[in-house]
């Protein structure tokens, strides 16, 4: 979860944010360290407070708008590529380009 990173970038202490969200500082600390996970209502309050999406808050890649004709396998391939680091993304693109060239 991106909670700690977002909080720090807003120059807020745990206590300040906990008060703003009406939760205990201990719970906020547990959320930031991954010891506990907030319920959906708390997640919504946090996302609304920082004006971010739940996907961003939970460190989930946002899906691209794919054509309706995209198959399940194509969607899965894109989701895998989104999780790669930069070097492996470049390798995957090169590999896919080679596969595409071989179709002609």
Protein backbone atom coordinates (compact mmCIF):
# COMPACT_ATOMS: atom_id res chain seq x y z
CA UNK A 1 0.00 0.00 0.00
CA UNK A 2 1.18 3.52 -0.79
CA UNK A 3 -0.23 5.03 2.41
CA UNK A 4 3.07 5.90 4.10
CA UNK A 5 4.52 7.37 0.91
CA UNK A 6 1.42 9.49 0.30
CA UNK A 7 1.29 10.67 3.92
CA UNK A 8 4.96 11.67 3.91
CA UNK A 9 4.66 13.47 0.58
CA UNK A 10 1.84 15.52 2.14
CA UNK A 11 4.14 16.35 5.08
CA UNK A 12 1.75 14.84 7.59
CA UNK A 13 2.60 12.97 10.76
CA UNK A 14 0.79 9.76 11.59
CA UNK A 15 -0.99 11.58 14.39
CA UNK A 16 -2.20 14.38 12.09
CA UNK A 17 -3.54 11.95 9.51
CA UNK A 18 -5.10 9.67 12.12
CA UNK A 19 -6.98 12.63 13.59
CA UNK A 20 -8.13 13.79 10.15
CA UNK A 21 -9.42 10.28 9.37
CA UNK A 22 -10.87 9.79 12.86
CA UNK A 23 -8.86 6.60 13.46
CA UNK A 24 -6.22 5.78 16.05
CA UNK A 25 -2.57 6.43 15.37
CA UNK A 26 -1.89 2.79 16.27
CA UNK A 27 -4.24 1.58 13.54
CA UNK A 28 -2.69 3.94 11.03
CA UNK A 29 0.77 2.64 11.95
CA UNK A 30 -0.43 -0.95 11.50
CA UNK A 31 -1.84 -0.07 8.07
CA UNK A 32 1.44 1.52 7.00
CA UNK A 33 3.52 -1.44 8.17
CA UNK A 34 1.16 -4.04 6.71
CA UNK A 35 0.33 -5.58 10.09
CA UNK A 36 -3.37 -4.86 9.49
CA UNK A 37 -5.40 -3.88 6.47
CA UNK A 38 -8.02 -1.15 6.61
CA UNK A 39 -11.63 -2.03 5.85
CA UNK A 40 -13.17 -0.72 2.65
CA UNK A 41 -14.77 2.29 4.34
CA UNK A 42 -11.41 3.36 5.80
CA UNK A 43 -9.74 2.85 2.42
CA UNK A 44 -12.36 5.11 0.84
CA UNK A 45 -11.80 7.78 3.51
CA UNK A 46 -8.03 7.67 2.92
CA UNK A 47 -8.41 7.82 -0.87
CA UNK A 48 -10.88 10.70 -0.61
CA UNK A 49 -8.65 12.58 1.84
CA UNK A 50 -5.68 12.45 -0.55
CA UNK A 51 -7.83 12.61 -3.71
CA UNK A 52 -6.31 9.43 -5.13
CA UNK A 53 -7.86 6.28 -6.57
CA UNK A 54 -8.15 3.10 -4.55
CA UNK A 55 -5.94 1.42 -7.16
CA UNK A 56 -3.20 3.99 -6.54
CA UNK A 57 -3.61 3.82 -2.79
CA UNK A 58 -3.37 0.01 -2.86
CA UNK A 59 -0.44 0.13 -5.31
CA UNK A 60 -2.35 -1.66 -8.05
CA UNK A 61 -1.65 -0.92 -11.70
CA UNK A 62 -4.58 0.69 -13.45
CA UNK A 63 -5.92 -1.29 -16.37
CA UNK A 64 -5.64 0.21 -19.79
CA UNK A 65 -8.71 0.81 -21.88
CA UNK A 66 -8.44 -2.20 -24.12
CA UNK A 67 -10.55 -2.84 -27.17
CA UNK A 68 -13.61 -4.96 -26.48
CA UNK A 69 -12.11 -7.55 -28.81
CA UNK A 70 -9.09 -8.16 -26.52
CA UNK A 71 -8.98 -11.76 -25.37
CA UNK A 72 -8.47 -12.91 -21.80
CA UNK A 73 -4.91 -14.01 -22.70
CA UNK A 74 -4.10 -10.61 -24.21
CA UNK A 75 -5.35 -8.84 -21.08
CA UNK A 76 -3.29 -11.18 -18.90
CA UNK A 77 -0.17 -10.50 -21.00
CA UNK A 78 -0.61 -6.75 -20.55
CA UNK A 79 -1.09 -7.13 -16.79
CA UNK A 80 2.13 -9.15 -16.59
CA UNK A 81 4.07 -6.53 -18.56
CA UNK A 82 2.77 -3.79 -16.25
CA UNK A 83 4.43 -5.57 -13.33
CA UNK A 84 7.88 -5.82 -14.97
CA UNK A 85 10.80 -3.56 -14.17
CA UNK A 86 12.09 -1.26 -16.93
CA UNK A 87 14.75 -3.60 -18.32
CA UNK A 88 12.41 -6.58 -18.50
CA UNK A 89 9.67 -4.41 -20.03
CA UNK A 90 12.07 -3.46 -22.84
CA UNK A 91 12.98 -7.14 -23.32
CA UNK A 92 9.28 -8.11 -23.45
CA UNK A 93 8.55 -5.40 -26.02
CA UNK A 94 11.48 -6.54 -28.17
CA UNK A 95 10.37 -10.15 -27.92
CA UNK A 96 6.78 -9.27 -28.83
CA UNK A 97 7.95 -7.14 -31.75
CA UNK A 98 9.90 -10.15 -33.03
CA UNK A 99 6.83 -12.35 -32.74
CA UNK A 100 4.77 -9.77 -34.60
CA UNK A 101 7.37 -9.50 -37.40
CA UNK A 102 7.33 -13.28 -37.76
CA UNK A 103 3.58 -13.28 -38.46
CA UNK A 104 4.05 -11.49 -41.79
